[in-house]
Amino acid sequence: MTAITDTVGPSQAVKGASSESGNQADVWLIGIVLVLLTYGLVMVYSATIASSSETLAVNFRPLISHLAHLALGLAFIIALRYSRLDWWGRCGKQLLLLSVLSLVIVLLPGIGINVNGSTRWIALGAIRIQPAELVKIFMVVYVAGYLVRKRDVLNQFKQGILIVALVTATVSALLLIQPDFGSVVVISLTVMSMLFLGGIRLRHFTLCVLFAAAAFVLLVWIEPYRWQRIISFLNPWSDPFDTGFQLVQALIAFGRGEWLGVGLGASIQKLYYLPHASNDFLLAVIAEELGLLGVSVVVILFAVLLWRAFVIARRAERVGMLFAARLAEGLGSLLVIQAMINMGVNMGLLPTKGLTLPMMSYGGSSILASCIALGLLFAIDRAAQPKPGGGR
């Protein structure tokens, strides 16, 4: 790979280049992806089939839309598996810049679409794109490249943390204007995990964590609706028909599901009681219909996904592909951190956030962004594979 020479060194570049011809994909990763996408498809169908009107008539439109996005997402995975990682390493800055520009465009009057008080979508004909989903991916690509380029000076405060912090702060500021506090949390936690795994000094990392925590507290304190979410999170039953409504309905769904659930398709909460049942609160529908067993399967699948991402990262690092290793760690962390936050919200462990469950929830931008991340993981896995002849 030509560009690895710029970031890893000549000898490591030779290793990385020779590994481009691996063809055997990670069987575990393939299985996890197929199960999660299929699981999500079934549950989205269950959550949306009676959502067309007050008469609860059968509605196939969400299912068809979800299937279309899944088909496109699978095409992205296949195409990206054969993409060159050196191109991603070279273009990380440009991709991030374009995604940041899209965050600016979505705020322009007449372009951005406002839904429930948030301006997060750009309409391209009949298609809606949520730029924040792409920003998450390109932020990971940028930070992975940065960690490799600056690996010799990461022990310095300016090079190791300050520059990345300023970039993250800029992206976060644009997201907060929308507002999209949930994406800010996901990006910040992902970047911090990448910095830690990338080898910055422990005291610098601790300072980063303390600063981020103080910033989050301040952002919650100065914005009344965020503070109200904290209050309703602490005691949702104090106002179960207004500020605590979402969490109360989710908890009822979990309570009704018990161990094995009430049966696939038999959820009552999804019938206009549980808001956003097919995206933000899909896990609550799973809990009600399939019980603790169904939720446990989701948790285990994401845990195995993180494990495979780190196995792939370690394999890439062993053959000298440092950018690929940092990228795999970041992509795995991104998907699992967002999943953990979504699960925490559904279970009442975290305040309400407008975040989907990656690979499972209804939503075109979320599905496509998840598939882009998975496609890059498969590309890293392919590049780190030994050559058919046994060498690297």
Protein backbone atom coordinates (compact mmCIF):
# COMPACT_ATOMS: atom_id res chain seq x y z
CA MET A 1 0.00 0.00 0.00
CA THR A 2 1.63 3.22 -1.10
CA ALA A 3 0.29 5.64 1.50
CA ILE A 4 1.35 3.50 4.43
CA THR A 5 4.87 4.55 3.63
CA ASP A 6 3.93 8.05 4.72
CA THR A 7 2.48 6.98 8.04
CA VAL A 8 4.08 3.69 9.06
CA GLY A 9 7.48 3.42 7.48
CA PRO A 10 8.97 1.60 4.48
CA SER A 11 9.40 -1.82 6.07
CA GLN A 12 5.93 -1.79 7.54
CA ALA A 13 4.53 -0.57 4.25
CA VAL A 14 5.85 -3.64 2.51
CA LYS A 15 4.10 -5.88 5.00
CA GLY A 16 0.87 -4.00 4.65
CA ALA A 17 1.03 -4.00 0.87
CA SER A 18 1.64 -7.71 0.61
CA SER A 19 -1.39 -8.49 2.76
CA GLU A 20 -3.85 -6.85 0.39
CA SER A 21 -4.54 -10.13 -1.37
CA GLY A 22 -6.19 -11.97 1.56
CA ASN A 23 -9.59 -13.31 0.61
CA GLN A 24 -10.97 -15.16 3.63
CA ALA A 25 -13.29 -12.93 5.64
CA ASP A 26 -13.67 -13.23 9.41
CA VAL A 27 -16.39 -15.86 9.84
CA TRP A 28 -17.34 -14.56 13.27
CA LEU A 29 -17.77 -11.03 11.94
CA ILE A 30 -19.86 -12.22 9.00
CA GLY A 31 -22.12 -14.17 11.34
CA ILE A 32 -22.55 -11.27 13.76
CA VAL A 33 -23.39 -8.82 10.98
CA LEU A 34 -25.93 -11.13 9.35
CA VAL A 35 -27.61 -11.97 12.66
CA LEU A 36 -27.80 -8.32 13.80
CA LEU A 37 -29.16 -7.09 10.46
CA THR A 38 -31.71 -9.92 10.27
CA TYR A 39 -32.68 -9.53 13.92
CA GLY A 40 -33.19 -5.82 13.38
CA LEU A 41 -35.24 -6.42 10.23
CA VAL A 42 -37.63 -8.76 12.05
CA MET A 43 -38.05 -6.42 15.01
CA VAL A 44 -38.51 -3.31 12.85
CA TYR A 45 -41.23 -5.17 10.95
CA SER A 46 -42.87 -6.12 14.25
CA ALA A 47 -42.61 -2.56 15.60
CA THR A 48 -44.01 -0.85 12.49
CA ILE A 49 -46.55 -3.22 10.96
CA ALA A 50 -49.48 -1.56 12.76
CA SER A 51 -48.28 2.05 12.55
CA SER A 52 -50.13 3.39 9.52
CA SER A 53 -53.21 4.85 11.19
CA GLU A 54 -55.29 5.00 14.33
CA THR A 55 -57.10 1.86 13.15
CA LEU A 56 -53.79 -0.02 13.37
CA ALA A 57 -54.10 -1.18 9.77
CA VAL A 58 -51.26 -3.28 8.39
CA ASN A 59 -48.44 -1.08 7.05
CA PHE A 60 -45.65 -2.50 4.89
CA ARG A 61 -44.02 0.81 3.91
CA PRO A 62 -41.48 0.92 6.77
CA LEU A 63 -40.51 -2.69 6.07
CA ILE A 64 -39.96 -1.98 2.37
CA SER A 65 -37.93 1.13 3.19
CA HIS A 66 -35.84 -0.78 5.72
CA LEU A 67 -35.24 -3.59 3.21
CA ALA A 68 -34.12 -1.07 0.59
CA HIS A 69 -31.63 0.51 2.98
CA LEU A 70 -30.37 -2.92 4.03
CA ALA A 71 -29.80 -3.88 0.40
CA LEU A 72 -27.87 -0.67 -0.22
CA GLY A 73 -25.97 -1.15 3.04
CA LEU A 74 -24.93 -4.68 2.07
CA ALA A 75 -23.73 -3.32 -1.28
CA PHE A 76 -21.62 -0.77 0.64
CA ILE A 77 -20.13 -3.54 2.79
CA ILE A 78 -19.17 -5.61 -0.24
CA ALA A 79 -17.74 -2.64 -2.15
CA LEU A 80 -15.82 -1.22 0.81
CA ARG A 81 -14.30 -4.59 1.63
CA TYR A 82 -12.27 -4.22 -1.54
CA SER A 83 -11.38 -0.57 -1.01
CA ARG A 84 -7.78 0.46 -0.42
CA LEU A 85 -6.98 1.45 3.13
CA ASP A 86 -4.16 3.73 1.99
CA TRP A 87 -6.77 5.91 0.26
CA TRP A 88 -8.73 6.25 3.49
CA GLY A 89 -5.54 7.11 5.35
CA ARG A 90 -4.63 9.82 2.84
CA CYS A 91 -8.11 11.34 2.65
CA GLY A 92 -9.05 11.36 6.32
CA LYS A 93 -8.70 15.14 6.67
CA GLN A 94 -10.63 15.85 3.48
CA LEU A 95 -13.44 13.46 4.39
CA LEU A 96 -13.80 15.03 7.81
CA LEU A 97 -13.80 18.51 6.27
CA LEU A 98 -16.58 17.52 3.85
CA SER A 99 -18.64 16.02 6.66
CA VAL A 100 -18.18 19.15 8.76
CA LEU A 101 -19.30 21.21 5.77
CA SER A 102 -22.45 19.08 5.62
CA LEU A 103 -23.11 19.98 9.27
CA VAL A 104 -23.00 23.63 8.25
CA ILE A 105 -25.23 23.07 5.22
CA VAL A 106 -27.92 21.33 7.27
CA LEU A 107 -28.26 24.50 9.36
CA LEU A 108 -28.93 26.75 6.36
CA PRO A 109 -32.55 27.95 6.04
CA GLY A 110 -34.51 26.08 3.41
CA ILE A 111 -32.08 23.14 3.29
CA GLY A 112 -32.17 21.46 6.67
CA ILE A 113 -35.35 19.61 7.69
CA ASN A 114 -36.67 20.27 11.18
CA VAL A 115 -38.22 17.28 12.97
CA ASN A 116 -39.38 17.52 16.60
CA GLY A 117 -37.37 20.68 17.17
CA SER A 118 -34.09 19.37 15.72
CA THR A 119 -32.59 20.23 12.32
CA ARG A 120 -30.56 17.15 11.50
CA TRP A 121 -31.57 16.06 8.01
CA ILE A 122 -30.91 17.14 4.42
CA ALA A 123 -33.47 16.16 1.79
CA LEU A 124 -32.19 14.90 -1.57
CA GLY A 125 -35.42 14.27 -3.41
CA ALA A 126 -37.22 11.47 -1.62
CA ILE A 127 -34.08 10.59 0.36
CA ARG A 128 -33.17 12.11 3.72
CA ILE A 129 -29.57 12.14 4.86
CA GLN A 130 -28.43 12.75 8.44
CA PRO A 131 -24.90 14.22 8.20
CA ALA A 132 -24.12 13.43 11.84
CA GLU A 133 -24.03 9.72 11.03
CA LEU A 134 -21.30 10.23 8.42
CA VAL A 135 -19.41 12.62 10.69
CA LYS A 136 -19.03 9.82 13.24
CA ILE A 137 -17.37 7.55 10.67
CA PHE A 138 -15.09 10.20 9.20
CA MET A 139 -14.08 11.42 12.65
CA VAL A 140 -12.84 7.92 13.42
CA VAL A 141 -10.94 7.80 10.10
CA TYR A 142 -9.31 11.16 10.84
CA VAL A 143 -8.29 10.32 14.40
CA ALA A 144 -6.88 6.94 13.32
CA GLY A 145 -4.69 8.66 10.76
CA TYR A 146 -3.66 11.35 13.24
CA LEU A 147 -2.59 8.81 15.85
CA VAL A 148 -0.31 7.12 13.32
CA ARG A 149 1.15 10.33 11.87
CA LYS A 150 1.91 11.74 15.32
CA ARG A 151 2.75 8.47 17.09
CA ASP A 152 6.27 9.65 17.99
CA VAL A 153 5.05 12.81 19.74
CA LEU A 154 1.82 11.59 21.36
CA ASN A 155 3.42 12.01 24.79
CA GLN A 156 3.32 15.78 24.22
CA PHE A 157 0.18 17.59 25.34
CA LYS A 158 -0.26 19.65 22.17
CA GLN A 159 0.31 16.81 19.72
CA GLY A 160 -1.17 14.06 21.83
CA ILE A 161 -4.44 15.61 22.85
CA LEU A 162 -4.93 19.33 22.21
CA ILE A 163 -5.27 19.26 18.40
CA VAL A 164 -7.70 16.33 18.44
CA ALA A 165 -9.64 18.01 21.25
CA LEU A 166 -10.03 21.20 19.22
CA VAL A 167 -11.26 19.26 16.18
CA THR A 168 -13.72 17.34 18.36
CA ALA A 169 -14.91 20.57 19.97
CA THR A 170 -15.55 22.15 16.55
CA VAL A 171 -17.59 19.17 15.37
CA SER A 172 -19.44 19.07 18.70
CA ALA A 173 -20.33 22.76 18.50
CA LEU A 174 -21.97 22.28 15.09
CA LEU A 175 -23.87 19.24 16.37
CA LEU A 176 -25.10 21.12 19.43
CA ILE A 177 -26.60 23.83 17.24
CA GLN A 178 -28.90 21.24 15.60
CA PRO A 179 -29.20 20.15 18.52
CA ASP A 180 -27.82 16.59 18.65
CA PHE A 181 -26.31 16.07 22.08
CA GLY A 182 -26.40 12.29 21.71
CA SER A 183 -24.02 12.32 18.74
CA VAL A 184 -21.68 14.63 20.65
CA VAL A 185 -21.51 12.09 23.47
CA VAL A 186 -20.87 9.18 21.09
CA ILE A 187 -18.14 11.01 19.16
CA SER A 188 -16.43 12.28 22.32
CA LEU A 189 -16.38 8.87 24.01
CA THR A 190 -15.15 7.20 20.82
CA VAL A 191 -12.34 9.72 20.35
CA MET A 192 -11.28 9.37 23.99
CA SER A 193 -11.18 5.58 23.68
CA MET A 194 -9.07 5.88 20.53
CA LEU A 195 -6.65 8.28 22.24
CA PHE A 196 -6.30 5.87 25.15
CA LEU A 197 -5.70 2.87 22.89
CA GLY A 198 -3.40 4.97 20.69
CA GLY A 199 -0.97 5.46 23.55
CA ILE A 200 -1.31 9.02 24.84
CA ARG A 201 0.06 9.69 28.33
CA LEU A 202 -2.18 8.57 31.17
CA ARG A 203 -2.21 11.96 32.87
CA HIS A 204 -3.16 13.64 29.59
CA PHE A 205 -5.95 11.10 29.13
CA THR A 206 -7.15 11.72 32.70
CA LEU A 207 -7.17 15.45 32.03
CA CYS A 208 -9.15 14.82 28.85
CA VAL A 209 -11.74 12.76 30.75
CA LEU A 210 -12.10 15.39 33.47
CA PHE A 211 -12.48 18.20 30.95
CA ALA A 212 -15.05 16.25 28.93
CA ALA A 213 -17.03 15.43 32.07
CA ALA A 214 -17.03 19.09 33.13
CA ALA A 215 -18.10 20.15 29.63
CA PHE A 216 -20.99 17.66 29.61
CA VAL A 217 -22.18 18.86 33.03
CA LEU A 218 -22.03 22.48 31.85
CA LEU A 219 -23.92 21.69 28.63
CA VAL A 220 -26.64 19.96 30.62
CA TRP A 221 -26.84 22.76 33.18
CA ILE A 222 -27.17 25.65 30.72
CA GLU A 223 -29.85 24.01 28.56
CA PRO A 224 -33.24 23.69 30.34
CA TYR A 225 -34.52 20.75 28.27
CA ARG A 226 -31.38 18.71 28.97
CA TRP A 227 -31.63 19.45 32.67
CA GLN A 228 -35.27 18.43 32.60
CA ARG A 229 -34.26 15.12 31.04
CA ILE A 230 -31.90 14.50 33.96
CA ILE A 231 -34.70 15.26 36.43
CA SER A 232 -37.16 12.98 34.63
CA PHE A 233 -34.49 10.28 34.37
CA LEU A 234 -33.95 10.31 38.13
CA ASN A 235 -37.68 10.02 38.81
CA PRO A 236 -39.72 9.37 35.63
CA TRP A 237 -42.81 8.43 37.64
CA SER A 238 -43.10 11.97 39.01
CA ASP A 239 -44.46 13.07 35.59
CA PRO A 240 -45.33 9.85 33.73
CA PHE A 241 -47.51 11.54 31.10
CA ASP A 242 -45.07 14.27 30.02
CA THR A 243 -41.35 14.49 30.74
CA GLY A 244 -41.09 10.92 31.99
CA PHE A 245 -43.39 9.40 29.37
CA GLN A 246 -40.76 7.75 27.14
CA LEU A 247 -38.85 6.13 29.97
CA VAL A 248 -41.99 5.00 31.78
CA GLN A 249 -43.33 3.30 28.66
CA ALA A 250 -39.96 1.64 28.02
CA LEU A 251 -39.83 0.35 31.59
CA ILE A 252 -43.37 -1.00 31.26
CA ALA A 253 -42.27 -2.84 28.11
CA PHE A 254 -39.33 -4.40 29.96
CA GLY A 255 -41.59 -5.35 32.86
CA ARG A 256 -44.17 -7.00 30.62
CA GLY A 257 -41.51 -9.01 28.80
CA GLU A 258 -40.11 -10.71 31.91
CA TRP A 259 -37.88 -13.69 31.03
CA LEU A 260 -39.12 -14.89 27.64
CA GLY A 261 -41.43 -12.10 26.46
CA VAL A 262 -45.08 -11.98 25.46
CA GLY A 263 -44.36 -13.34 21.99
CA LEU A 264 -43.09 -11.95 18.68
CA GLY A 265 -45.54 -9.36 17.36
CA ALA A 266 -47.58 -9.26 20.60
CA SER A 267 -46.20 -6.01 22.03
CA ILE A 268 -48.79 -3.54 23.31
CA GLN A 269 -46.37 -0.72 24.06
CA LYS A 270 -45.47 -0.28 20.39
CA LEU A 271 -49.10 0.61 19.61
CA TYR A 272 -48.76 4.39 20.14
CA TYR A 273 -47.63 4.08 23.77
CA LEU A 274 -43.88 3.81 23.21
CA PRO A 275 -42.53 6.77 21.15
CA HIS A 276 -40.04 5.95 18.38
CA ALA A 277 -40.61 2.23 18.91
CA SER A 278 -38.87 1.28 15.67
CA ASN A 279 -35.69 3.30 16.15
CA ASP A 280 -34.66 4.85 19.49
CA PHE A 281 -36.68 2.38 21.60
CA LEU A 282 -36.48 -0.76 19.48
CA LEU A 283 -34.75 -2.57 22.35
CA ALA A 284 -37.82 -1.98 24.54
CA VAL A 285 -39.97 -3.73 21.93
CA ILE A 286 -37.46 -6.60 21.89
CA ALA A 287 -37.66 -6.76 25.69
CA GLU A 288 -41.46 -6.90 25.67
CA GLU A 289 -41.81 -9.44 22.88
CA LEU A 290 -38.74 -11.64 23.49
CA GLY A 291 -37.98 -10.89 27.13
CA LEU A 292 -34.65 -10.89 28.91
CA LEU A 293 -33.49 -13.66 26.58
CA GLY A 294 -33.99 -11.48 23.49
CA VAL A 295 -32.21 -8.51 25.09
CA SER A 296 -29.33 -10.72 26.26
CA VAL A 297 -28.79 -11.94 22.70
CA VAL A 298 -28.42 -8.32 21.52
CA VAL A 299 -25.93 -7.52 24.30
CA ILE A 300 -23.87 -10.64 23.54
CA LEU A 301 -23.83 -9.93 19.81
CA PHE A 302 -22.42 -6.42 20.32
CA ALA A 303 -19.87 -7.73 22.83
CA VAL A 304 -18.67 -10.30 20.28
CA LEU A 305 -18.58 -7.56 17.60
CA LEU A 306 -16.22 -5.49 19.78
CA TRP A 307 -14.08 -8.57 20.40
CA ARG A 308 -13.75 -9.29 16.69
CA ALA A 309 -12.94 -5.65 15.91
CA PHE A 310 -10.08 -5.76 18.42
CA VAL A 311 -8.88 -9.14 17.12
CA ILE A 312 -8.75 -7.68 13.61
CA ALA A 313 -6.97 -4.58 14.94
CA ARG A 314 -4.36 -6.73 16.69
CA ARG A 315 -3.81 -8.80 13.55
CA ALA A 316 -3.32 -5.62 11.50
CA GLU A 317 -0.87 -4.21 14.02
CA ARG A 318 1.18 -7.39 13.97
CA VAL A 319 1.82 -6.98 10.23
CA GLY A 320 2.71 -3.31 10.59
CA MET A 321 -0.60 -1.80 9.44
CA LEU A 322 -0.88 0.78 12.20
CA PHE A 323 -3.52 2.95 10.54
CA ALA A 324 -5.70 -0.10 9.93
CA ALA A 325 -5.28 -1.19 13.55
CA ARG A 326 -6.28 2.21 14.97
CA LEU A 327 -9.18 2.38 12.50
CA ALA A 328 -10.51 -1.05 13.50
CA GLU A 329 -10.35 -0.10 17.18
CA GLY A 330 -12.18 3.14 16.50
CA LEU A 331 -14.91 1.61 14.34
CA GLY A 332 -15.57 -1.17 16.84
CA SER A 333 -15.68 1.33 19.69
CA LEU A 334 -18.00 3.65 17.77
CA LEU A 335 -20.61 0.97 17.04
CA VAL A 336 -20.53 -0.53 20.53
CA ILE A 337 -20.49 2.79 22.42
CA GLN A 338 -23.59 3.96 20.57
CA ALA A 339 -25.24 0.58 21.17
CA MET A 340 -24.42 0.76 24.88
CA ILE A 341 -25.88 4.25 25.20
CA ASN A 342 -29.03 3.20 23.35
CA MET A 343 -29.41 0.15 25.60
CA GLY A 344 -28.79 2.25 28.70
CA VAL A 345 -31.52 4.69 27.68
CA ASN A 346 -33.99 1.88 27.00
CA MET A 347 -33.26 0.25 30.35
CA GLY A 348 -33.48 3.49 32.32
CA LEU A 349 -29.77 3.50 33.13
CA LEU A 350 -29.04 6.70 31.17
CA PRO A 351 -31.03 9.87 30.39
CA THR A 352 -33.02 9.88 27.14
CA LYS A 353 -30.93 10.44 23.98
CA GLY A 354 -32.01 10.44 20.36
CA LEU A 355 -29.71 7.60 19.31
CA THR A 356 -30.50 4.52 17.27
CA LEU A 357 -29.35 0.96 17.90
CA PRO A 358 -26.66 0.43 15.22
CA MET A 359 -27.48 -2.13 12.51
CA MET A 360 -30.90 -2.81 13.99
CA SER A 361 -33.01 0.33 14.34
CA TYR A 362 -35.19 1.75 11.58
CA GLY A 363 -33.53 4.70 9.86
CA GLY A 364 -31.71 4.91 6.55
CA SER A 365 -28.77 7.07 7.60
CA SER A 366 -28.10 4.93 10.66
CA ILE A 367 -28.18 1.68 8.71
CA LEU A 368 -25.94 3.01 5.92
CA ALA A 369 -23.43 4.52 8.36
CA SER A 370 -23.26 1.23 10.27
CA CYS A 371 -22.69 -0.65 7.03
CA ILE A 372 -19.92 1.74 5.99
CA ALA A 373 -18.20 1.07 9.32
CA LEU A 374 -18.62 -2.68 8.85
CA GLY A 375 -17.35 -2.49 5.27
CA LEU A 376 -14.17 -0.81 6.50
CA LEU A 377 -13.77 -3.47 9.19
CA PHE A 378 -14.01 -6.16 6.51
CA ALA A 379 -11.46 -4.23 4.43
CA ILE A 380 -9.03 -4.20 7.36
CA ASP A 381 -9.65 -7.90 7.96
CA ARG A 382 -8.97 -8.63 4.27
CA ALA A 383 -5.81 -6.50 4.17
CA ALA A 384 -4.38 -8.19 7.27
CA GLN A 385 -4.98 -11.71 5.95
CA PRO A 386 -1.98 -13.86 4.88
CA LYS A 387 -1.46 -14.43 1.19
CA PRO A 388 -2.86 -17.66 -0.28
CA GLY A 389 0.66 -19.06 -0.51
CA GLY A 390 1.17 -18.73 3.23
CA GLY A 391 3.23 -15.53 3.30
CA ARG A 392 2.28 -11.94 4.06
